[in-house]
Amino acid sequence: MRVKNLNRLNSANVDIKDINYLHYYSYHEDLFGAFKKYASGNLLDIGCGNKPYEKQLKDKITSYTGVDIIQSSDNKVDYLCQANAIPLKNSLYDTVISTQTIEHVEDHQGLVNEAFRLLKPNGIFILSGPMYWPLHEEPYDFFRFTKYGFQHILEKAGFEILELKSNGGKWAVAGQALLHALYPQVYSISGFKGKLLRILLKLIGGIKSINKFFVFMDNQGTIDHSNTMNYVVIAKK
């Protein structure tokens, strides 16, 4: 049974001191770029949660409808339904978005098919999902997608892919995985070793300094996207 009023992301602001900053800094850059370039008209958000990107979208669209399987902690969901069975008529929307949701949907092809059905001709679908991320919202965490996986399910539904962006390179992934390994475990290590490790992390500046270092390394030369954090895909009906 999925938990109602689940606490979800409710702001796009992620500070460099945040443990997940390495995920969001490149993801949000590409996602907001996609919103600015492609979002328009009536918009549907599949897996909307707390609609954390309302601010980024408000000047681009005329209406914002959100669907999700459970009500969010801020009560932002307009229609409660499965992602593969949305109770709305065909061809209603100019833009459909689905951000960091598809990995939680058992029938991921059904979600993509519904986006295609609900879009007007030439409508735009903006989809994002992780390649690297720890298990979350268990046991409802089913899939991770490569860029070829996204291409396959979108083209199978009938979409034309316009852009497919990798969010973060191998250094960002390495830094994010390091932070996930260190925190919160570093606080649970007892004795002298635990105390020494916490002192060392404090001396180097903790999460903020680790984030800065791996952002710097990720941006040296050509970014290696063979191991990436996430993808943002823009497709047209």
C-alpha atoms as a PDB file:
ATOM      1  CA  MET A   1       0.000   0.000   0.000  1.00  0.00           C
ATOM      2  CA  ARG A   2       1.482   3.345  -1.014  1.00  0.00           C
ATOM      3  CA  VAL A   3       1.740   5.954   1.718  1.00  0.00           C
ATOM      4  CA  LYS A   4      -0.626   8.917   1.416  1.00  0.00           C
ATOM      5  CA  ASN A   5       0.592  12.500   1.926  1.00  0.00           C
ATOM      6  CA  LEU A   6       4.137  11.377   1.173  1.00  0.00           C
ATOM      7  CA  ASN A   7       6.701  14.113   1.730  1.00  0.00           C
ATOM      8  CA  ARG A   8       7.868  15.201  -1.733  1.00  0.00           C
ATOM      9  CA  LEU A   9      10.187  17.814  -3.194  1.00  0.00           C
ATOM     10  CA  ASN A  10       8.383  21.154  -2.975  1.00  0.00           C
ATOM     11  CA  SER A  11      11.048  23.587  -4.136  1.00  0.00           C
ATOM     12  CA  ALA A  12      13.587  23.781  -6.937  1.00  0.00           C
ATOM     13  CA  ASN A  13      16.112  25.467  -4.642  1.00  0.00           C
ATOM     14  CA  VAL A  14      18.950  23.100  -3.729  1.00  0.00           C
ATOM     15  CA  ASP A  15      21.892  24.575  -1.795  1.00  0.00           C
ATOM     16  CA  ILE A  16      25.504  23.486  -2.389  1.00  0.00           C
ATOM     17  CA  LYS A  17      25.507  22.224   1.209  1.00  0.00           C
ATOM     18  CA  ASP A  18      22.779  19.721   0.286  1.00  0.00           C
ATOM     19  CA  ILE A  19      23.839  16.073   0.104  1.00  0.00           C
ATOM     20  CA  ASN A  20      22.039  15.727  -3.258  1.00  0.00           C
ATOM     21  CA  TYR A  21      23.438  18.877  -4.870  1.00  0.00           C
ATOM     22  CA  LEU A  22      25.553  16.958  -7.390  1.00  0.00           C
ATOM     23  CA  HIS A  23      22.392  15.366  -8.737  1.00  0.00           C
ATOM     24  CA  TYR A  24      20.370  18.556  -8.977  1.00  0.00           C
ATOM     25  CA  TYR A  25      22.876  21.097 -10.329  1.00  0.00           C
ATOM     26  CA  SER A  26      23.125  19.552 -13.815  1.00  0.00           C
ATOM     27  CA  TYR A  27      19.657  18.006 -13.835  1.00  0.00           C
ATOM     28  CA  HIS A  28      17.928  21.309 -13.083  1.00  0.00           C
ATOM     29  CA  GLU A  29      20.052  23.152 -15.645  1.00  0.00           C
ATOM     30  CA  ASP A  30      18.860  20.827 -18.412  1.00  0.00           C
ATOM     31  CA  LEU A  31      15.293  20.513 -17.118  1.00  0.00           C
ATOM     32  CA  PHE A  32      14.761  24.258 -16.788  1.00  0.00           C
ATOM     33  CA  GLY A  33      16.330  24.782 -20.194  1.00  0.00           C
ATOM     34  CA  ALA A  34      13.780  22.344 -21.623  1.00  0.00           C
ATOM     35  CA  PHE A  35      10.927  24.172 -19.871  1.00  0.00           C
ATOM     36  CA  LYS A  36      12.109  27.523 -21.229  1.00  0.00           C
ATOM     37  CA  LYS A  37      12.500  26.256 -24.786  1.00  0.00           C
ATOM     38  CA  TYR A  38       9.531  23.899 -25.144  1.00  0.00           C
ATOM     39  CA  ALA A  39       6.808  24.284 -22.478  1.00  0.00           C
ATOM     40  CA  SER A  40       3.634  26.046 -23.584  1.00  0.00           C
ATOM     41  CA  GLY A  41      -0.164  26.107 -23.341  1.00  0.00           C
ATOM     42  CA  ASN A  42      -2.051  23.579 -21.245  1.00  0.00           C
ATOM     43  CA  LEU A  43       0.356  21.389 -19.286  1.00  0.00           C
ATOM     44  CA  LEU A  44      -0.108  17.991 -17.647  1.00  0.00           C
ATOM     45  CA  ASP A  45       2.340  16.723 -15.008  1.00  0.00           C
ATOM     46  CA  ILE A  46       2.353  12.920 -14.590  1.00  0.00           C
ATOM     47  CA  GLY A  47       3.630  12.133 -11.096  1.00  0.00           C
ATOM     48  CA  CYS A  48       3.359  15.780 -10.057  1.00  0.00           C
ATOM     49  CA  GLY A  49       3.913  15.347  -6.307  1.00  0.00           C
ATOM     50  CA  ASN A  50       4.045  18.860  -4.833  1.00  0.00           C
ATOM     51  CA  LYS A  51       4.519  20.505  -8.266  1.00  0.00           C
ATOM     52  CA  PRO A  52       8.014  21.749  -7.326  1.00  0.00           C
ATOM     53  CA  TYR A  53       8.567  23.399 -10.712  1.00  0.00           C
ATOM     54  CA  GLU A  54       5.463  25.623 -10.811  1.00  0.00           C
ATOM     55  CA  LYS A  55       7.614  28.745 -10.489  1.00  0.00           C
ATOM     56  CA  GLN A  56       9.791  27.775 -13.467  1.00  0.00           C
ATOM     57  CA  LEU A  57       6.734  27.003 -15.606  1.00  0.00           C
ATOM     58  CA  LYS A  58       4.211  29.695 -14.691  1.00  0.00           C
ATOM     59  CA  ASP A  59       5.289  32.229 -17.322  1.00  0.00           C
ATOM     60  CA  LYS A  60       5.390  29.614 -20.082  1.00  0.00           C
ATOM     61  CA  ILE A  61       2.008  27.896 -19.751  1.00  0.00           C
ATOM     62  CA  THR A  62      -1.681  28.735 -19.436  1.00  0.00           C
ATOM     63  CA  SER A  63      -2.796  25.891 -17.142  1.00  0.00           C
ATOM     64  CA  TYR A  64      -1.144  23.273 -14.924  1.00  0.00           C
ATOM     65  CA  THR A  65      -2.850  19.962 -14.149  1.00  0.00           C
ATOM     66  CA  GLY A  66      -1.156  17.383 -11.944  1.00  0.00           C
ATOM     67  CA  VAL A  67      -1.865  13.657 -11.621  1.00  0.00           C
ATOM     68  CA  ASP A  68      -0.327  11.185  -9.182  1.00  0.00           C
ATOM     69  CA  ILE A  69      -1.092   7.850  -7.581  1.00  0.00           C
ATOM     70  CA  ILE A  70      -1.279   9.370  -4.083  1.00  0.00           C
ATOM     71  CA  GLN A  71      -2.000  12.803  -2.668  1.00  0.00           C
ATOM     72  CA  SER A  72       1.158  14.805  -1.945  1.00  0.00           C
ATOM     73  CA  SER A  73       2.171  16.347   1.383  1.00  0.00           C
ATOM     74  CA  ASP A  74       1.100  19.814   0.131  1.00  0.00           C
ATOM     75  CA  ASN A  75      -2.155  18.502  -1.427  1.00  0.00           C
ATOM     76  CA  LYS A  76      -1.134  19.560  -4.935  1.00  0.00           C
ATOM     77  CA  VAL A  77      -2.475  16.564  -6.892  1.00  0.00           C
ATOM     78  CA  ASP A  78      -5.527  17.351  -9.056  1.00  0.00           C
ATOM     79  CA  TYR A  79      -6.348  13.769 -10.154  1.00  0.00           C
ATOM     80  CA  LEU A  80      -5.498  10.588  -8.261  1.00  0.00           C
ATOM     81  CA  CYS A  81      -4.906   7.761 -10.738  1.00  0.00           C
ATOM     82  CA  GLN A  82      -2.447   5.268 -12.183  1.00  0.00           C
ATOM     83  CA  ALA A  83       0.092   6.713 -14.628  1.00  0.00           C
ATOM     84  CA  ASN A  84      -1.060   4.252 -17.307  1.00  0.00           C
ATOM     85  CA  ALA A  85      -4.788   4.976 -16.858  1.00  0.00           C
ATOM     86  CA  ILE A  86      -5.351   8.737 -16.617  1.00  0.00           C
ATOM     87  CA  PRO A  87      -9.093   9.626 -16.696  1.00  0.00           C
ATOM     88  CA  LEU A  88      -8.819  12.466 -19.217  1.00  0.00           C
ATOM     89  CA  LYS A  89      -9.814  12.802 -22.873  1.00  0.00           C
ATOM     90  CA  ASN A  90      -7.425  12.450 -25.802  1.00  0.00           C
ATOM     91  CA  SER A  91      -5.358  15.354 -27.162  1.00  0.00           C
ATOM     92  CA  LEU A  92      -6.028  17.835 -24.353  1.00  0.00           C
ATOM     93  CA  TYR A  93      -2.521  19.127 -23.691  1.00  0.00           C
ATOM     94  CA  ASP A  94       0.173  21.125 -25.439  1.00  0.00           C
ATOM     95  CA  THR A  95       2.850  19.930 -23.012  1.00  0.00           C
ATOM     96  CA  VAL A  96       3.196  16.850 -20.816  1.00  0.00           C
ATOM     97  CA  ILE A  97       5.980  16.542 -18.251  1.00  0.00           C
ATOM     98  CA  SER A  98       6.983  13.664 -16.005  1.00  0.00           C
ATOM     99  CA  THR A  99       9.973  14.286 -13.752  1.00  0.00           C
ATOM    100  CA  GLN A 100      11.699  11.592 -11.678  1.00  0.00           C
ATOM    101  CA  THR A 101       8.571   9.425 -11.707  1.00  0.00           C
ATOM    102  CA  ILE A 102       9.032   6.770 -14.371  1.00  0.00           C
ATOM    103  CA  GLU A 103      11.323   4.611 -12.215  1.00  0.00           C
ATOM    104  CA  HIS A 104       8.407   4.173  -9.772  1.00  0.00           C
ATOM    105  CA  VAL A 105       5.870   3.045 -12.390  1.00  0.00           C
ATOM    106  CA  GLU A 106       5.526  -0.705 -12.941  1.00  0.00           C
ATOM    107  CA  ASP A 107       4.136  -0.134 -16.436  1.00  0.00           C
ATOM    108  CA  HIS A 108       6.582   2.505 -17.664  1.00  0.00           C
ATOM    109  CA  GLN A 109       5.531   1.975 -21.290  1.00  0.00           C
ATOM    110  CA  GLY A 110       1.957   2.674 -20.217  1.00  0.00           C
ATOM    111  CA  LEU A 111       3.013   6.056 -18.780  1.00  0.00           C
ATOM    112  CA  VAL A 112       4.712   7.010 -22.051  1.00  0.00           C
ATOM    113  CA  ASN A 113       1.726   5.805 -24.088  1.00  0.00           C
ATOM    114  CA  GLU A 114      -0.636   7.935 -21.960  1.00  0.00           C
ATOM    115  CA  ALA A 115       1.546  10.997 -22.505  1.00  0.00           C
ATOM    116  CA  PHE A 116       1.300  10.411 -26.260  1.00  0.00           C
ATOM    117  CA  ARG A 117      -2.491   9.945 -26.102  1.00  0.00           C
ATOM    118  CA  LEU A 118      -3.083  13.078 -24.054  1.00  0.00           C
ATOM    119  CA  LEU A 119      -0.910  15.376 -26.165  1.00  0.00           C
ATOM    120  CA  LYS A 120      -2.216  17.393 -29.079  1.00  0.00           C
ATOM    121  CA  PRO A 121      -0.528  16.795 -32.462  1.00  0.00           C
ATOM    122  CA  ASN A 122       3.007  18.247 -32.331  1.00  0.00           C
ATOM    123  CA  GLY A 123       2.726  18.457 -28.542  1.00  0.00           C
ATOM    124  CA  ILE A 124       5.852  18.175 -26.400  1.00  0.00           C
ATOM    125  CA  PHE A 125       6.720  15.536 -23.789  1.00  0.00           C
ATOM    126  CA  ILE A 126       9.485  16.400 -21.286  1.00  0.00           C
ATOM    127  CA  LEU A 127      10.565  13.281 -19.408  1.00  0.00           C
ATOM    128  CA  SER A 128      13.305  12.740 -16.829  1.00  0.00           C
ATOM    129  CA  GLY A 129      14.564   9.796 -14.818  1.00  0.00           C
ATOM    130  CA  PRO A 130      17.672   8.485 -13.074  1.00  0.00           C
ATOM    131  CA  MET A 131      20.398   6.163 -14.214  1.00  0.00           C
ATOM    132  CA  TYR A 132      22.260   6.316 -10.892  1.00  0.00           C
ATOM    133  CA  TRP A 133      20.307   6.667  -7.653  1.00  0.00           C
ATOM    134  CA  PRO A 134      19.943   4.595  -4.471  1.00  0.00           C
ATOM    135  CA  LEU A 135      16.732   2.697  -3.825  1.00  0.00           C
ATOM    136  CA  HIS A 136      13.995   5.072  -2.623  1.00  0.00           C
ATOM    137  CA  GLU A 137      10.264   4.985  -1.865  1.00  0.00           C
ATOM    138  CA  GLU A 138      10.668   1.229  -1.474  1.00  0.00           C
ATOM    139  CA  PRO A 139       9.268  -1.150  -2.539  1.00  0.00           C
ATOM    140  CA  TYR A 140       7.961   1.070  -5.360  1.00  0.00           C
ATOM    141  CA  ASP A 141      11.300   1.621  -7.088  1.00  0.00           C
ATOM    142  CA  PHE A 142      11.416  -0.562 -10.195  1.00  0.00           C
ATOM    143  CA  PHE A 143      13.702   0.687 -12.985  1.00  0.00           C
ATOM    144  CA  ARG A 144      16.765   2.661 -14.076  1.00  0.00           C
ATOM    145  CA  PHE A 145      17.078   3.797 -17.698  1.00  0.00           C
ATOM    146  CA  THR A 146      19.978   4.286 -20.089  1.00  0.00           C
ATOM    147  CA  LYS A 147      19.583   6.773 -22.932  1.00  0.00           C
ATOM    148  CA  TYR A 148      18.880   3.843 -25.236  1.00  0.00           C
ATOM    149  CA  GLY A 149      16.130   2.633 -22.947  1.00  0.00           C
ATOM    150  CA  PHE A 150      14.461   6.043 -23.027  1.00  0.00           C
ATOM    151  CA  GLN A 151      14.825   6.200 -26.802  1.00  0.00           C
ATOM    152  CA  HIS A 152      13.239   2.762 -27.162  1.00  0.00           C
ATOM    153  CA  ILE A 153      10.135   3.359 -25.038  1.00  0.00           C
ATOM    154  CA  LEU A 154       9.493   6.818 -26.497  1.00  0.00           C
ATOM    155  CA  GLU A 155       9.839   5.758 -30.125  1.00  0.00           C
ATOM    156  CA  LYS A 156       7.738   2.658 -29.445  1.00  0.00           C
ATOM    157  CA  ALA A 157       4.898   4.981 -28.359  1.00  0.00           C
ATOM    158  CA  GLY A 158       5.258   7.032 -31.556  1.00  0.00           C
ATOM    159  CA  PHE A 159       7.311   9.980 -30.314  1.00  0.00           C
ATOM    160  CA  GLU A 160      10.055  11.750 -32.238  1.00  0.00           C
ATOM    161  CA  ILE A 161      12.989  12.500 -29.930  1.00  0.00           C
ATOM    162  CA  LEU A 162      14.171  16.101 -30.221  1.00  0.00           C
ATOM    163  CA  GLU A 163      16.820  16.183 -27.489  1.00  0.00           C
ATOM    164  CA  LEU A 164      18.268  13.667 -25.030  1.00  0.00           C
ATOM    165  CA  LYS A 165      20.497  15.195 -22.360  1.00  0.00           C
ATOM    166  CA  SER A 166      22.774  13.405 -19.885  1.00  0.00           C
ATOM    167  CA  ASN A 167      22.825  15.154 -16.503  1.00  0.00           C
ATOM    168  CA  GLY A 168      26.280  15.053 -14.957  1.00  0.00           C
ATOM    169  CA  GLY A 169      29.363  13.064 -15.880  1.00  0.00           C
ATOM    170  CA  LYS A 170      31.354  10.340 -14.165  1.00  0.00           C
ATOM    171  CA  TRP A 171      32.867  12.695 -11.584  1.00  0.00           C
ATOM    172  CA  ALA A 172      29.437  13.935 -10.488  1.00  0.00           C
ATOM    173  CA  VAL A 173      28.291  10.326 -10.153  1.00  0.00           C
ATOM    174  CA  ALA A 174      31.407   9.425  -8.139  1.00  0.00           C
ATOM    175  CA  GLY A 175      30.934  12.375  -5.795  1.00  0.00           C
ATOM    176  CA  GLN A 176      27.240  11.713  -5.304  1.00  0.00           C
ATOM    177  CA  ALA A 177      27.877   8.041  -4.562  1.00  0.00           C
ATOM    178  CA  LEU A 178      30.606   9.030  -2.071  1.00  0.00           C
ATOM    179  CA  LEU A 179      28.242  11.356  -0.224  1.00  0.00           C
ATOM    180  CA  HIS A 180      25.535   8.700  -0.145  1.00  0.00           C
ATOM    181  CA  ALA A 181      28.090   6.269   1.321  1.00  0.00           C
ATOM    182  CA  LEU A 182      29.355   8.714   3.948  1.00  0.00           C
ATOM    183  CA  TYR A 183      26.100  10.231   5.155  1.00  0.00           C
ATOM    184  CA  PRO A 184      24.415   9.496   7.495  1.00  0.00           C
ATOM    185  CA  GLN A 185      26.631   6.469   8.280  1.00  0.00           C
ATOM    186  CA  VAL A 186      29.537   8.677   9.365  1.00  0.00           C
ATOM    187  CA  TYR A 187      27.482   9.758  12.390  1.00  0.00           C
ATOM    188  CA  SER A 188      26.827   6.184  13.478  1.00  0.00           C
ATOM    189  CA  ILE A 189      30.477   5.051  13.639  1.00  0.00           C
ATOM    190  CA  SER A 190      31.427   4.912  17.298  1.00  0.00           C
ATOM    191  CA  GLY A 191      34.734   5.232  19.088  1.00  0.00           C
ATOM    192  CA  PHE A 192      37.969   6.896  18.045  1.00  0.00           C
ATOM    193  CA  LYS A 193      37.707   5.972  14.358  1.00  0.00           C
ATOM    194  CA  GLY A 194      34.285   7.554  14.037  1.00  0.00           C
ATOM    195  CA  LYS A 195      35.368  10.701  15.838  1.00  0.00           C
ATOM    196  CA  LEU A 196      38.501  10.992  13.680  1.00  0.00           C
ATOM    197  CA  LEU A 197      36.520  10.568  10.464  1.00  0.00           C
ATOM    198  CA  ARG A 198      34.046  13.272  11.482  1.00  0.00           C
ATOM    199  CA  ILE A 199      36.897  15.631  12.359  1.00  0.00           C
ATOM    200  CA  LEU A 200      38.572  15.008   8.982  1.00  0.00           C
ATOM    201  CA  LEU A 201      35.334  15.666   7.098  1.00  0.00           C
ATOM    202  CA  LYS A 202      34.831  18.881   9.057  1.00  0.00           C
ATOM    203  CA  LEU A 203      38.405  19.994   8.327  1.00  0.00           C
ATOM    204  CA  ILE A 204      37.934  19.622   4.565  1.00  0.00           C
ATOM    205  CA  GLY A 205      34.661  21.531   4.681  1.00  0.00           C
ATOM    206  CA  GLY A 206      32.186  18.657   4.740  1.00  0.00           C
ATOM    207  CA  ILE A 207      29.441  18.286   2.136  1.00  0.00           C
ATOM    208  CA  LYS A 208      29.951  21.756   0.640  1.00  0.00           C
ATOM    209  CA  SER A 209      33.627  21.172  -0.154  1.00  0.00           C
ATOM    210  CA  ILE A 210      32.993  17.688  -1.536  1.00  0.00           C
ATOM    211  CA  ASN A 211      30.305  19.094  -3.826  1.00  0.00           C
ATOM    212  CA  LYS A 212      32.602  21.893  -5.026  1.00  0.00           C
ATOM    213  CA  PHE A 213      35.460  19.499  -5.745  1.00  0.00           C
ATOM    214  CA  PHE A 214      33.398  17.047  -7.788  1.00  0.00           C
ATOM    215  CA  VAL A 215      31.634  19.828  -9.725  1.00  0.00           C
ATOM    216  CA  PHE A 216      35.083  21.221 -10.578  1.00  0.00           C
ATOM    217  CA  MET A 217      36.370  17.815 -11.676  1.00  0.00           C
ATOM    218  CA  ASP A 218      33.223  17.101 -13.690  1.00  0.00           C
ATOM    219  CA  ASN A 219      33.710  20.304 -15.677  1.00  0.00           C
ATOM    220  CA  GLN A 220      37.328  19.758 -16.667  1.00  0.00           C
ATOM    221  CA  GLY A 221      37.584  19.194 -20.420  1.00  0.00           C
ATOM    222  CA  THR A 222      34.932  17.131 -22.190  1.00  0.00           C
ATOM    223  CA  ILE A 223      32.455  15.658 -19.716  1.00  0.00           C
ATOM    224  CA  ASP A 224      32.389  11.859 -19.820  1.00  0.00           C
ATOM    225  CA  HIS A 225      28.693  10.901 -19.928  1.00  0.00           C
ATOM    226  CA  SER A 226      29.314   7.163 -20.217  1.00  0.00           C
ATOM    227  CA  ASN A 227      28.426   7.013 -16.533  1.00  0.00           C
ATOM    228  CA  THR A 228      25.814   9.662 -15.826  1.00  0.00           C
ATOM    229  CA  MET A 229      23.404  10.521 -13.047  1.00  0.00           C
ATOM    230  CA  ASN A 230      20.187  11.185 -14.909  1.00  0.00           C
ATOM    231  CA  TYR A 231      18.539  11.994 -18.260  1.00  0.00           C
ATOM    232  CA  VAL A 232      16.197  14.688 -19.516  1.00  0.00           C
ATOM    233  CA  VAL A 233      14.465  13.806 -22.788  1.00  0.00           C
ATOM    234  CA  ILE A 234      12.355  16.081 -25.005  1.00  0.00           C
ATOM    235  CA  ALA A 235      10.073  14.354 -27.508  1.00  0.00           C
ATOM    236  CA  LYS A 236       7.376  15.480 -29.959  1.00  0.00           C
ATOM    237  CA  LYS A 237       4.112  13.765 -30.865  1.00  0.00           C
END
